[in-house]
Amino acid sequence: MRGKDTGRTSFTNGQVALHKMIEELHIAADMEVEFGPFCVDIYISETHTAIEFDGSGHLRKRDRIRDQRLMEKFQLPVLRVKNLSPKSEIQGDIINFLAKWASSAKTRKAMY
């Protein structure tokens, strides 16, 4: 499990489980990566995308605004995962999300 030094000492169980699901797909991912004032749960550099695990503390309206700002300022699309089952469905959603954004990753990275 790779992570950046964001001052955070531990990850939530949901973040760890989600990261494990991504690793099982043989996708390199970093945990807790900062983009300006924002920190994303999981960042996938190859596709320049983020995945957030929405536990009970997430507020939809605030998260939607945050996701819009990440896209506007950093060209970073965000997939939100609300629960971790069924596993095959979550992994399918991740694969589809990454496939959608893979072809534009290099261009989006260069824009910010």
Protein backbone atom coordinates (compact mmCIF):
# COMPACT_ATOMS: atom_id res chain seq x y z
CA MET A 1 0.00 0.00 0.00
CA ARG A 2 1.57 3.23 -1.11
CA GLY A 3 0.63 6.52 0.47
CA LYS A 4 1.81 10.08 0.52
CA ASP A 5 2.82 11.96 3.66
CA THR A 6 -0.30 14.00 4.31
CA GLY A 7 0.09 14.05 8.07
CA ARG A 8 -2.54 11.37 8.42
CA THR A 9 -1.48 8.46 10.60
CA SER A 10 -4.03 5.86 9.48
CA PHE A 11 -6.52 5.03 6.79
CA THR A 12 -10.14 4.01 7.29
CA ASN A 13 -11.13 0.38 6.91
CA GLY A 14 -13.13 1.35 3.82
CA GLN A 15 -10.13 3.05 2.20
CA VAL A 16 -7.90 0.05 2.88
CA ALA A 17 -10.48 -2.42 1.53
CA LEU A 18 -11.04 -0.30 -1.58
CA HIS A 19 -7.28 0.00 -2.18
CA LYS A 20 -6.96 -3.78 -1.87
CA MET A 21 -9.71 -4.26 -4.48
CA ILE A 22 -7.81 -1.98 -6.84
CA GLU A 23 -4.52 -3.81 -6.24
CA GLU A 24 -6.27 -7.11 -7.02
CA LEU A 25 -6.96 -5.65 -10.47
CA HIS A 26 -3.17 -5.07 -10.85
CA ILE A 27 -3.62 -1.30 -10.90
CA ALA A 28 -1.01 0.88 -9.21
CA ALA A 29 -2.64 3.34 -6.83
CA ASP A 30 -1.53 5.77 -4.15
CA MET A 31 -3.52 6.58 -1.03
CA GLU A 32 -4.14 10.07 0.36
CA VAL A 33 -2.71 12.23 -2.41
CA GLU A 34 -2.97 16.01 -2.23
CA PHE A 35 -4.16 18.25 -5.04
CA GLY A 36 -3.95 21.81 -3.79
CA PRO A 37 -6.19 22.07 -0.73
CA PHE A 38 -7.82 18.71 -1.49
CA CYS A 39 -6.73 15.22 -0.56
CA VAL A 40 -8.14 12.24 -2.46
CA ASP A 41 -8.45 8.78 -0.92
CA ILE A 42 -6.95 6.96 -3.89
CA TYR A 43 -5.09 8.39 -6.88
CA ILE A 44 -4.33 6.40 -10.01
CA SER A 45 -1.55 8.20 -11.85
CA GLU A 46 -1.74 6.12 -15.03
CA THR A 47 -5.25 7.40 -15.78
CA HIS A 48 -5.01 10.61 -13.70
CA THR A 49 -8.17 9.71 -11.79
CA ALA A 50 -9.27 9.58 -8.16
CA ILE A 51 -11.48 7.19 -6.25
CA GLU A 52 -13.17 8.23 -3.02
CA PHE A 53 -14.72 5.94 -0.45
CA ASP A 54 -17.82 7.63 0.93
CA GLY A 55 -18.27 6.55 4.51
CA SER A 56 -20.97 7.85 6.81
CA GLY A 57 -19.28 11.24 7.23
CA HIS A 58 -19.59 12.32 3.61
CA LEU A 59 -22.03 15.03 2.58
CA ARG A 60 -23.29 14.72 -0.99
CA LYS A 61 -23.59 18.43 -1.80
CA ARG A 62 -20.17 19.28 -0.39
CA ASP A 63 -18.60 16.28 -2.15
CA ARG A 64 -20.20 17.24 -5.47
CA ILE A 65 -18.76 20.76 -5.21
CA ARG A 66 -15.36 19.34 -4.24
CA ASP A 67 -15.41 16.94 -7.22
CA GLN A 68 -16.27 19.82 -9.56
CA ARG A 69 -13.33 21.83 -8.24
CA LEU A 70 -10.96 18.88 -8.63
CA MET A 71 -12.06 18.55 -12.25
CA GLU A 72 -11.88 22.29 -12.96
CA LYS A 73 -8.49 22.95 -11.32
CA PHE A 74 -6.69 19.63 -11.77
CA GLN A 75 -8.60 17.88 -14.58
CA LEU A 76 -9.12 15.05 -12.08
CA PRO A 77 -12.29 12.97 -12.44
CA VAL A 78 -13.53 11.31 -9.26
CA LEU A 79 -15.37 8.01 -8.82
CA ARG A 80 -17.29 7.76 -5.56
CA VAL A 81 -17.79 4.36 -3.98
CA LYS A 82 -20.49 4.21 -1.32
CA ASN A 83 -20.21 0.57 -0.24
CA LEU A 84 -17.81 -2.28 -0.81
CA SER A 85 -20.13 -5.04 -1.94
CA PRO A 86 -20.71 -6.79 -4.12
CA LYS A 87 -16.98 -6.79 -4.80
CA SER A 88 -17.26 -7.83 -8.46
CA GLU A 89 -19.66 -4.96 -9.13
CA ILE A 90 -17.36 -2.40 -7.49
CA GLN A 91 -14.36 -3.71 -9.42
CA GLY A 92 -16.41 -3.56 -12.63
CA ASP A 93 -17.33 0.05 -11.90
CA ILE A 94 -13.65 0.86 -11.31
CA ILE A 95 -12.56 -0.80 -14.56
CA ASN A 96 -15.25 1.07 -16.53
CA PHE A 97 -14.37 4.39 -14.90
CA LEU A 98 -10.66 3.99 -15.63
CA ALA A 99 -11.33 2.90 -19.22
CA LYS A 100 -13.49 5.98 -19.76
CA TRP A 101 -10.70 8.36 -18.72
CA ALA A 102 -7.55 6.48 -19.81
CA SER A 103 -7.26 7.94 -23.31
CA SER A 104 -7.30 11.54 -22.06
CA ALA A 105 -4.97 11.09 -19.05
CA LYS A 106 -1.86 12.57 -20.63
CA THR A 107 -3.74 15.63 -21.94
CA ARG A 108 -5.52 16.23 -18.62
CA LYS A 109 -2.26 15.95 -16.65
CA ALA A 110 -0.64 18.52 -18.93
CA MET A 111 -3.50 20.98 -18.41
CA TYR A 112 -2.94 21.54 -14.70
